[in-house]
N, C-alpha and C. Protein backbone atom coordinates (compact mmCIF):
# COMPACT_ATOMS: atom_id res chain seq x y z
N MET A 1 -28.47 47.58 -12.70
CA MET A 1 -27.37 48.00 -11.88
C MET A 1 -27.41 47.41 -10.47
N PRO A 2 -28.58 47.34 -9.81
CA PRO A 2 -28.59 46.79 -8.46
C PRO A 2 -28.15 45.32 -8.42
N ASN A 3 -28.44 44.54 -9.48
CA ASN A 3 -28.01 43.14 -9.49
C ASN A 3 -26.50 43.03 -9.50
N ASN A 4 -25.81 43.93 -10.19
CA ASN A 4 -24.35 43.90 -10.22
C ASN A 4 -23.76 44.20 -8.86
N LYS A 5 -24.38 45.12 -8.11
CA LYS A 5 -23.89 45.43 -6.77
C LYS A 5 -24.02 44.23 -5.84
N TYR A 6 -25.14 43.53 -5.93
CA TYR A 6 -25.34 42.35 -5.09
C TYR A 6 -24.38 41.23 -5.47
N SER A 7 -24.20 41.02 -6.75
CA SER A 7 -23.28 39.97 -7.20
C SER A 7 -21.86 40.29 -6.77
N ALA A 8 -21.44 41.52 -6.97
CA ALA A 8 -20.08 41.92 -6.57
C ALA A 8 -19.92 41.82 -5.06
N GLY A 9 -20.95 42.18 -4.31
CA GLY A 9 -20.88 42.09 -2.86
C GLY A 9 -20.77 40.65 -2.38
N ILE A 10 -21.53 39.77 -3.00
CA ILE A 10 -21.46 38.34 -2.63
C ILE A 10 -20.09 37.77 -2.96
N ILE A 11 -19.54 38.14 -4.12
CA ILE A 11 -18.21 37.64 -4.50
C ILE A 11 -17.16 38.15 -3.53
N LEU A 12 -17.21 39.42 -3.16
CA LEU A 12 -16.25 39.96 -2.19
C LEU A 12 -16.41 39.30 -0.83
N LEU A 13 -17.66 39.05 -0.41
CA LEU A 13 -17.92 38.39 0.87
C LEU A 13 -17.34 36.97 0.86
N LEU A 14 -17.57 36.21 -0.18
CA LEU A 14 -17.04 34.85 -0.27
C LEU A 14 -15.52 34.83 -0.34
N ALA A 15 -14.93 35.78 -1.08
CA ALA A 15 -13.47 35.86 -1.16
C ALA A 15 -12.87 36.15 0.22
N GLY A 16 -13.49 37.05 0.96
CA GLY A 16 -13.02 37.36 2.31
C GLY A 16 -13.12 36.16 3.24
N ILE A 17 -14.21 35.41 3.15
CA ILE A 17 -14.39 34.22 3.99
C ILE A 17 -13.35 33.16 3.65
N VAL A 18 -13.10 32.96 2.35
CA VAL A 18 -12.11 31.97 1.93
C VAL A 18 -10.72 32.35 2.44
N ILE A 19 -10.37 33.63 2.31
CA ILE A 19 -9.06 34.08 2.79
C ILE A 19 -8.95 33.92 4.31
N LEU A 20 -10.00 34.28 5.04
CA LEU A 20 -9.99 34.15 6.49
C LEU A 20 -9.87 32.69 6.92
N LEU A 21 -10.61 31.79 6.29
CA LEU A 21 -10.52 30.37 6.63
C LEU A 21 -9.13 29.82 6.29
N GLY A 22 -8.56 30.31 5.20
CA GLY A 22 -7.21 29.89 4.84
C GLY A 22 -6.18 30.33 5.86
N LYS A 23 -6.32 31.55 6.36
CA LYS A 23 -5.39 32.04 7.38
C LYS A 23 -5.54 31.29 8.70
N TRP A 24 -6.73 30.81 9.00
CA TRP A 24 -6.96 30.05 10.22
C TRP A 24 -6.51 28.60 10.09
N GLY A 25 -6.12 28.17 8.91
CA GLY A 25 -5.62 26.82 8.71
C GLY A 25 -6.68 25.77 8.45
N VAL A 26 -7.89 26.19 8.12
CA VAL A 26 -8.97 25.23 7.89
C VAL A 26 -8.67 24.37 6.66
N PHE A 27 -8.17 24.99 5.60
CA PHE A 27 -7.95 24.25 4.36
C PHE A 27 -6.76 23.29 4.48
N SER A 28 -5.74 23.69 5.23
CA SER A 28 -4.61 22.77 5.41
C SER A 28 -5.02 21.58 6.27
N PHE A 29 -5.89 21.81 7.27
CA PHE A 29 -6.39 20.71 8.08
C PHE A 29 -7.23 19.76 7.24
N LEU A 30 -8.12 20.32 6.44
CA LEU A 30 -8.97 19.48 5.59
C LEU A 30 -8.13 18.71 4.58
N GLY A 31 -7.13 19.37 4.02
CA GLY A 31 -6.25 18.68 3.07
C GLY A 31 -5.45 17.58 3.73
N ALA A 32 -5.01 17.82 4.96
CA ALA A 32 -4.22 16.81 5.67
C ALA A 32 -5.07 15.62 6.09
N MET A 33 -6.33 15.85 6.42
CA MET A 33 -7.17 14.75 6.90
C MET A 33 -7.89 14.00 5.78
N PHE A 34 -8.25 14.69 4.72
CA PHE A 34 -9.11 14.07 3.72
C PHE A 34 -8.42 13.80 2.39
N TRP A 35 -7.09 13.84 2.33
CA TRP A 35 -6.41 13.52 1.09
C TRP A 35 -6.65 12.08 0.65
N PRO A 36 -6.91 11.12 1.57
CA PRO A 36 -7.18 9.76 1.08
C PRO A 36 -8.42 9.67 0.19
N LEU A 37 -9.29 10.66 0.25
CA LEU A 37 -10.44 10.63 -0.64
C LEU A 37 -10.02 10.74 -2.09
N LEU A 38 -8.84 11.31 -2.34
CA LEU A 38 -8.32 11.35 -3.71
C LEU A 38 -7.92 9.96 -4.20
N VAL A 39 -7.66 9.06 -3.28
CA VAL A 39 -7.39 7.66 -3.64
C VAL A 39 -8.71 6.90 -3.76
N LEU A 40 -9.69 7.27 -2.96
CA LEU A 40 -10.99 6.59 -2.97
C LEU A 40 -11.77 6.87 -4.26
N ILE A 41 -11.70 8.08 -4.75
CA ILE A 41 -12.49 8.45 -5.93
C ILE A 41 -12.18 7.58 -7.15
N PRO A 42 -10.90 7.33 -7.50
CA PRO A 42 -10.66 6.43 -8.63
C PRO A 42 -11.14 5.00 -8.36
N GLY A 43 -11.04 4.54 -7.12
CA GLY A 43 -11.51 3.20 -6.78
C GLY A 43 -13.01 3.06 -6.99
N ILE A 44 -13.76 4.05 -6.54
CA ILE A 44 -15.21 4.01 -6.73
C ILE A 44 -15.55 4.19 -8.20
N LEU A 45 -14.81 5.07 -8.88
CA LEU A 45 -15.06 5.30 -10.30
C LEU A 45 -14.85 4.02 -11.12
N LEU A 46 -13.83 3.25 -10.80
CA LEU A 46 -13.60 1.99 -11.51
C LEU A 46 -14.76 1.02 -11.29
N HIS A 47 -15.30 0.99 -10.07
CA HIS A 47 -16.45 0.13 -9.81
C HIS A 47 -17.69 0.61 -10.57
N VAL A 48 -17.91 1.92 -10.58
CA VAL A 48 -19.06 2.47 -11.29
C VAL A 48 -18.96 2.18 -12.78
N LEU A 49 -17.76 2.34 -13.33
CA LEU A 49 -17.59 2.06 -14.76
C LEU A 49 -17.77 0.58 -15.08
N TYR A 50 -17.38 -0.29 -14.15
CA TYR A 50 -17.61 -1.72 -14.39
C TYR A 50 -19.11 -2.03 -14.33
N PHE A 51 -19.79 -1.55 -13.30
CA PHE A 51 -21.22 -1.85 -13.17
C PHE A 51 -22.05 -1.14 -14.24
N GLY A 52 -21.50 -0.08 -14.83
CA GLY A 52 -22.16 0.58 -15.95
C GLY A 52 -21.84 -0.09 -17.27
N ARG A 53 -21.14 -1.21 -17.23
CA ARG A 53 -20.78 -2.00 -18.42
C ARG A 53 -19.90 -1.22 -19.40
N MET A 54 -19.06 -0.32 -18.88
CA MET A 54 -18.17 0.43 -19.75
C MET A 54 -16.76 -0.13 -19.75
N LEU A 55 -16.38 -0.83 -18.69
CA LEU A 55 -15.04 -1.41 -18.58
C LEU A 55 -15.14 -2.88 -18.22
N PRO A 56 -14.11 -3.67 -18.55
CA PRO A 56 -14.16 -5.10 -18.22
C PRO A 56 -13.97 -5.35 -16.73
N ALA A 57 -14.16 -6.59 -16.33
CA ALA A 57 -14.11 -6.96 -14.92
C ALA A 57 -12.71 -6.84 -14.31
N THR A 58 -11.70 -6.79 -15.14
CA THR A 58 -10.34 -6.69 -14.60
C THR A 58 -10.10 -5.39 -13.84
N VAL A 59 -10.92 -4.36 -14.08
CA VAL A 59 -10.74 -3.10 -13.35
C VAL A 59 -11.15 -3.23 -11.90
N LEU A 60 -11.81 -4.33 -11.54
CA LEU A 60 -12.20 -4.52 -10.15
C LEU A 60 -10.99 -4.77 -9.25
N VAL A 61 -9.92 -5.32 -9.82
CA VAL A 61 -8.73 -5.59 -9.02
C VAL A 61 -8.12 -4.28 -8.51
N PRO A 62 -7.76 -3.32 -9.37
CA PRO A 62 -7.24 -2.06 -8.81
C PRO A 62 -8.30 -1.26 -8.06
N GLY A 63 -9.57 -1.39 -8.46
CA GLY A 63 -10.63 -0.69 -7.75
C GLY A 63 -10.74 -1.15 -6.31
N GLY A 64 -10.73 -2.46 -6.09
CA GLY A 64 -10.78 -3.01 -4.73
C GLY A 64 -9.55 -2.64 -3.93
N MET A 65 -8.40 -2.68 -4.59
CA MET A 65 -7.16 -2.32 -3.90
C MET A 65 -7.21 -0.86 -3.43
N LEU A 66 -7.65 0.03 -4.29
CA LEU A 66 -7.68 1.46 -3.93
C LEU A 66 -8.64 1.73 -2.77
N ILE A 67 -9.75 1.02 -2.74
CA ILE A 67 -10.71 1.24 -1.65
C ILE A 67 -10.13 0.74 -0.32
N VAL A 68 -9.48 -0.42 -0.33
CA VAL A 68 -8.86 -0.94 0.90
C VAL A 68 -7.74 -0.01 1.36
N TYR A 69 -6.94 0.47 0.43
CA TYR A 69 -5.84 1.37 0.80
C TYR A 69 -6.36 2.69 1.35
N THR A 70 -7.49 3.15 0.83
CA THR A 70 -8.09 4.38 1.36
C THR A 70 -8.48 4.20 2.82
N VAL A 71 -9.08 3.07 3.14
CA VAL A 71 -9.46 2.80 4.53
C VAL A 71 -8.21 2.78 5.42
N LEU A 72 -7.14 2.17 4.93
CA LEU A 72 -5.88 2.14 5.69
C LEU A 72 -5.34 3.55 5.90
N PHE A 73 -5.35 4.36 4.85
CA PHE A 73 -4.80 5.72 4.96
C PHE A 73 -5.64 6.59 5.89
N ILE A 74 -6.95 6.44 5.85
CA ILE A 74 -7.81 7.20 6.78
C ILE A 74 -7.54 6.76 8.21
N PHE A 75 -7.39 5.46 8.43
CA PHE A 75 -7.07 4.94 9.76
C PHE A 75 -5.74 5.52 10.25
N CYS A 76 -4.75 5.56 9.37
CA CYS A 76 -3.45 6.11 9.75
C CYS A 76 -3.54 7.61 10.01
N ASN A 77 -4.37 8.33 9.26
CA ASN A 77 -4.54 9.76 9.52
C ASN A 77 -5.15 10.00 10.89
N ILE A 78 -6.08 9.15 11.29
CA ILE A 78 -6.76 9.34 12.57
C ILE A 78 -5.88 8.94 13.74
N PHE A 79 -5.24 7.76 13.65
CA PHE A 79 -4.50 7.22 14.79
C PHE A 79 -3.00 7.44 14.71
N GLY A 80 -2.52 8.09 13.70
CA GLY A 80 -1.09 8.35 13.57
C GLY A 80 -0.44 7.36 12.63
N TRP A 81 0.60 7.82 11.96
CA TRP A 81 1.23 7.00 10.93
C TRP A 81 2.16 5.95 11.51
N LYS A 82 2.33 5.90 12.81
CA LYS A 82 3.15 4.84 13.41
C LYS A 82 2.44 3.49 13.36
N VAL A 83 1.10 3.50 13.20
CA VAL A 83 0.37 2.23 13.14
C VAL A 83 0.65 1.48 11.86
N ILE A 84 1.21 2.14 10.86
CA ILE A 84 1.54 1.45 9.61
C ILE A 84 2.62 0.40 9.87
N HIS A 85 3.35 0.58 10.96
CA HIS A 85 4.36 -0.40 11.38
C HIS A 85 3.71 -1.77 11.64
N TYR A 86 2.47 -1.75 12.13
CA TYR A 86 1.76 -2.98 12.43
C TYR A 86 0.79 -3.38 11.32
N LEU A 87 0.33 -2.42 10.55
CA LEU A 87 -0.72 -2.69 9.57
C LEU A 87 -0.21 -2.78 8.14
N TRP A 88 1.09 -2.90 7.92
CA TRP A 88 1.61 -3.00 6.56
C TRP A 88 1.03 -4.19 5.79
N PRO A 89 0.63 -5.30 6.42
CA PRO A 89 0.05 -6.39 5.63
C PRO A 89 -1.29 -6.05 4.98
N VAL A 90 -1.88 -4.91 5.32
CA VAL A 90 -3.13 -4.50 4.68
C VAL A 90 -2.89 -4.26 3.19
N PHE A 91 -1.66 -3.94 2.79
CA PHE A 91 -1.36 -3.80 1.37
C PHE A 91 -1.57 -5.13 0.65
N LEU A 92 -1.20 -6.22 1.27
CA LEU A 92 -1.49 -7.55 0.70
C LEU A 92 -2.99 -7.83 0.71
N LEU A 93 -3.66 -7.40 1.76
CA LEU A 93 -5.10 -7.60 1.86
C LEU A 93 -5.84 -6.85 0.75
N GLY A 94 -5.33 -5.70 0.35
CA GLY A 94 -5.93 -4.95 -0.75
C GLY A 94 -5.88 -5.74 -2.05
N ILE A 95 -4.76 -6.37 -2.32
CA ILE A 95 -4.65 -7.21 -3.52
C ILE A 95 -5.62 -8.37 -3.43
N ALA A 96 -5.72 -8.97 -2.25
CA ALA A 96 -6.63 -10.10 -2.07
C ALA A 96 -8.08 -9.69 -2.29
N VAL A 97 -8.47 -8.53 -1.79
CA VAL A 97 -9.85 -8.05 -1.97
C VAL A 97 -10.13 -7.79 -3.45
N GLY A 98 -9.18 -7.16 -4.14
CA GLY A 98 -9.36 -6.90 -5.57
C GLY A 98 -9.51 -8.19 -6.36
N LEU A 99 -8.68 -9.17 -6.08
CA LEU A 99 -8.77 -10.45 -6.79
C LEU A 99 -10.07 -11.18 -6.46
N TYR A 100 -10.50 -11.09 -5.22
CA TYR A 100 -11.75 -11.75 -4.83
C TYR A 100 -12.96 -11.11 -5.52
N GLU A 101 -12.94 -9.79 -5.63
CA GLU A 101 -14.00 -9.11 -6.37
C GLU A 101 -14.01 -9.56 -7.83
N TYR A 102 -12.84 -9.66 -8.41
CA TYR A 102 -12.74 -10.11 -9.80
C TYR A 102 -13.28 -11.53 -9.94
N TYR A 103 -12.97 -12.38 -8.96
CA TYR A 103 -13.47 -13.75 -9.02
C TYR A 103 -15.00 -13.78 -8.90
N LEU A 104 -15.54 -13.01 -7.97
CA LEU A 104 -16.99 -13.02 -7.75
C LEU A 104 -17.78 -12.41 -8.90
N LEU A 105 -17.31 -11.29 -9.42
CA LEU A 105 -18.11 -10.52 -10.37
C LEU A 105 -17.68 -10.67 -11.83
N GLY A 106 -16.49 -11.22 -12.05
CA GLY A 106 -16.01 -11.36 -13.42
C GLY A 106 -16.58 -12.59 -14.10
N ASN A 107 -16.33 -12.68 -15.39
CA ASN A 107 -16.82 -13.80 -16.18
C ASN A 107 -16.01 -15.07 -15.94
N SER A 108 -14.74 -14.91 -15.65
CA SER A 108 -13.85 -16.06 -15.49
C SER A 108 -13.89 -16.53 -14.03
N ARG A 109 -14.37 -17.73 -13.83
CA ARG A 109 -14.41 -18.30 -12.47
C ARG A 109 -13.24 -19.26 -12.27
N THR A 110 -12.05 -18.78 -12.55
CA THR A 110 -10.86 -19.61 -12.43
C THR A 110 -10.56 -19.88 -10.96
N ARG A 111 -10.32 -21.14 -10.67
CA ARG A 111 -10.03 -21.55 -9.29
C ARG A 111 -8.72 -20.94 -8.79
N ALA A 112 -7.79 -20.69 -9.68
CA ALA A 112 -6.50 -20.13 -9.28
C ALA A 112 -6.66 -18.72 -8.72
N ILE A 113 -7.59 -17.95 -9.27
CA ILE A 113 -7.82 -16.59 -8.77
C ILE A 113 -8.39 -16.65 -7.36
N LEU A 114 -9.35 -17.55 -7.14
CA LEU A 114 -9.92 -17.70 -5.80
C LEU A 114 -8.86 -18.16 -4.81
N THR A 115 -8.06 -19.13 -5.20
CA THR A 115 -7.02 -19.65 -4.31
C THR A 115 -5.99 -18.56 -3.98
N THR A 116 -5.61 -17.80 -4.98
CA THR A 116 -4.64 -16.73 -4.75
C THR A 116 -5.20 -15.66 -3.82
N SER A 117 -6.46 -15.27 -4.05
CA SER A 117 -7.04 -14.21 -3.22
C SER A 117 -7.21 -14.69 -1.78
N LEU A 118 -7.68 -15.92 -1.60
CA LEU A 118 -7.84 -16.43 -0.23
C LEU A 118 -6.49 -16.63 0.46
N GLY A 119 -5.49 -17.08 -0.31
CA GLY A 119 -4.15 -17.24 0.26
C GLY A 119 -3.54 -15.93 0.69
N LEU A 120 -3.65 -14.92 -0.17
CA LEU A 120 -3.12 -13.60 0.18
C LEU A 120 -3.87 -12.99 1.36
N GLY A 121 -5.20 -13.16 1.37
CA GLY A 121 -5.99 -12.63 2.48
C GLY A 121 -5.64 -13.31 3.79
N GLY A 122 -5.51 -14.62 3.76
CA GLY A 122 -5.12 -15.35 4.97
C GLY A 122 -3.73 -14.98 5.44
N ALA A 123 -2.80 -14.86 4.49
CA ALA A 123 -1.43 -14.46 4.85
C ALA A 123 -1.41 -13.06 5.46
N ALA A 124 -2.21 -12.16 4.89
CA ALA A 124 -2.26 -10.79 5.42
C ALA A 124 -2.80 -10.77 6.84
N ILE A 125 -3.85 -11.53 7.09
CA ILE A 125 -4.43 -11.56 8.44
C ILE A 125 -3.45 -12.17 9.43
N ILE A 126 -2.78 -13.24 9.04
CA ILE A 126 -1.79 -13.87 9.92
C ILE A 126 -0.64 -12.91 10.19
N LEU A 127 -0.18 -12.19 9.17
CA LEU A 127 0.91 -11.24 9.37
C LEU A 127 0.51 -10.07 10.25
N ILE A 128 -0.73 -9.62 10.15
CA ILE A 128 -1.20 -8.56 11.04
C ILE A 128 -1.21 -9.05 12.48
N ILE A 129 -1.72 -10.26 12.69
CA ILE A 129 -1.76 -10.83 14.04
C ILE A 129 -0.34 -11.00 14.58
N LEU A 130 0.57 -11.50 13.75
CA LEU A 130 1.95 -11.68 14.21
C LEU A 130 2.63 -10.36 14.54
N SER A 131 2.38 -9.34 13.73
CA SER A 131 3.01 -8.05 14.02
C SER A 131 2.45 -7.44 15.30
N LEU A 132 1.17 -7.66 15.56
CA LEU A 132 0.60 -7.17 16.82
C LEU A 132 1.12 -7.96 18.01
N VAL A 133 1.24 -9.28 17.86
CA VAL A 133 1.74 -10.12 18.95
C VAL A 133 3.20 -9.78 19.23
N TRP A 134 3.96 -9.54 18.18
CA TRP A 134 5.37 -9.22 18.37
C TRP A 134 5.54 -7.92 19.13
N SER A 135 4.63 -6.98 18.96
CA SER A 135 4.81 -5.68 19.59
C SER A 135 4.34 -5.70 21.04
N TRP A 136 3.06 -5.91 21.29
CA TRP A 136 2.56 -5.86 22.65
C TRP A 136 2.12 -7.22 23.15
N GLY A 137 2.08 -8.20 22.30
CA GLY A 137 1.65 -9.53 22.70
C GLY A 137 2.66 -10.26 23.55
N MET A 138 3.92 -9.88 23.48
CA MET A 138 4.94 -10.53 24.29
C MET A 138 4.69 -10.28 25.77
N TYR A 139 4.09 -9.14 26.10
CA TYR A 139 3.71 -8.89 27.49
C TYR A 139 2.65 -9.89 27.94
N ALA A 140 1.70 -10.17 27.05
CA ALA A 140 0.67 -11.15 27.38
C ALA A 140 1.27 -12.54 27.55
N VAL A 141 2.21 -12.90 26.68
CA VAL A 141 2.88 -14.20 26.81
C VAL A 141 3.63 -14.27 28.13
N ALA A 142 4.33 -13.20 28.50
CA ALA A 142 5.07 -13.18 29.77
C ALA A 142 4.13 -13.33 30.96
N ILE A 143 2.99 -12.66 30.93
CA ILE A 143 2.03 -12.76 32.03
C ILE A 143 1.47 -14.17 32.13
N VAL A 144 1.16 -14.79 30.99
CA VAL A 144 0.65 -16.17 30.99
C VAL A 144 1.69 -17.12 31.54
N LEU A 145 2.95 -16.95 31.15
CA LEU A 145 4.01 -17.83 31.66
C LEU A 145 4.22 -17.64 33.17
N ILE A 146 4.16 -16.42 33.65
CA ILE A 146 4.31 -16.16 35.09
C ILE A 146 3.15 -16.79 35.86
N ALA A 147 1.92 -16.63 35.32
CA ALA A 147 0.76 -17.21 36.00
C ALA A 147 0.84 -18.73 36.01
N ALA A 148 1.24 -19.34 34.91
CA ALA A 148 1.36 -20.80 34.85
C ALA A 148 2.45 -21.29 35.80
N GLY A 149 3.57 -20.58 35.83
CA GLY A 149 4.65 -20.97 36.74
C GLY A 149 4.25 -20.83 38.20
N GLY A 150 3.54 -19.76 38.51
CA GLY A 150 3.05 -19.58 39.88
C GLY A 150 2.04 -20.64 40.27
N TRP A 151 1.16 -20.97 39.35
CA TRP A 151 0.17 -22.01 39.63
C TRP A 151 0.85 -23.36 39.85
N MET A 152 1.83 -23.67 39.00
CA MET A 152 2.53 -24.95 39.14
C MET A 152 3.36 -24.99 40.43
N THR A 153 3.86 -23.85 40.85
CA THR A 153 4.70 -23.81 42.05
C THR A 153 3.87 -23.90 43.32
N PHE A 154 2.76 -23.20 43.38
CA PHE A 154 2.01 -23.09 44.62
C PHE A 154 0.78 -23.99 44.69
N ALA A 155 0.38 -24.60 43.61
CA ALA A 155 -0.80 -25.49 43.64
C ALA A 155 -0.37 -26.88 44.12
N LYS A 156 -1.38 -27.66 44.49
CA LYS A 156 -1.07 -29.03 44.90
C LYS A 156 -0.58 -29.82 43.69
N ARG A 157 0.28 -30.76 43.96
CA ARG A 157 0.85 -31.57 42.90
C ARG A 157 -0.20 -32.38 42.15
N SER A 158 -1.28 -32.74 42.79
CA SER A 158 -2.29 -33.58 42.15
C SER A 158 -3.06 -32.81 41.08
N ARG A 159 -3.06 -31.50 41.12
CA ARG A 159 -3.79 -30.69 40.13
C ARG A 159 -3.11 -30.68 38.78
N TRP A 160 -1.80 -30.73 38.78
CA TRP A 160 -1.11 -30.68 37.49
C TRP A 160 -0.28 -31.90 37.31
């Protein structure tokens, strides 16, 4: 009989703590911040199943994509979802990472897969740089042009 009282007391204590934490918003905060882990788990699982020799190498493509997308989603959760405006090319980078993993670890060393993954990765990086330059980089371009114009105007003619 005493064991039942302790067990029932522990269950009631845990139920009260769960209800109290729920009312304080702890679970909604955790759900809002850590939902990308639900995307990460299948990505890691696909890698584990490949390295455990249970699935073919083609599962590395979606596995790599899911892991890259998880990093993007966590970044957006931390810094706000407005950064997706600048980081949308990371979706292309995810495909490139998945294809590159397939090229490195798969049986088929087709040159087309390597070329495609490097091309997509390069395009994604260039697009990220362009989207950043388009947003705040124009201020830097304006400052450089003003400085160059001022230097050309006020410096001696022999310098330029």
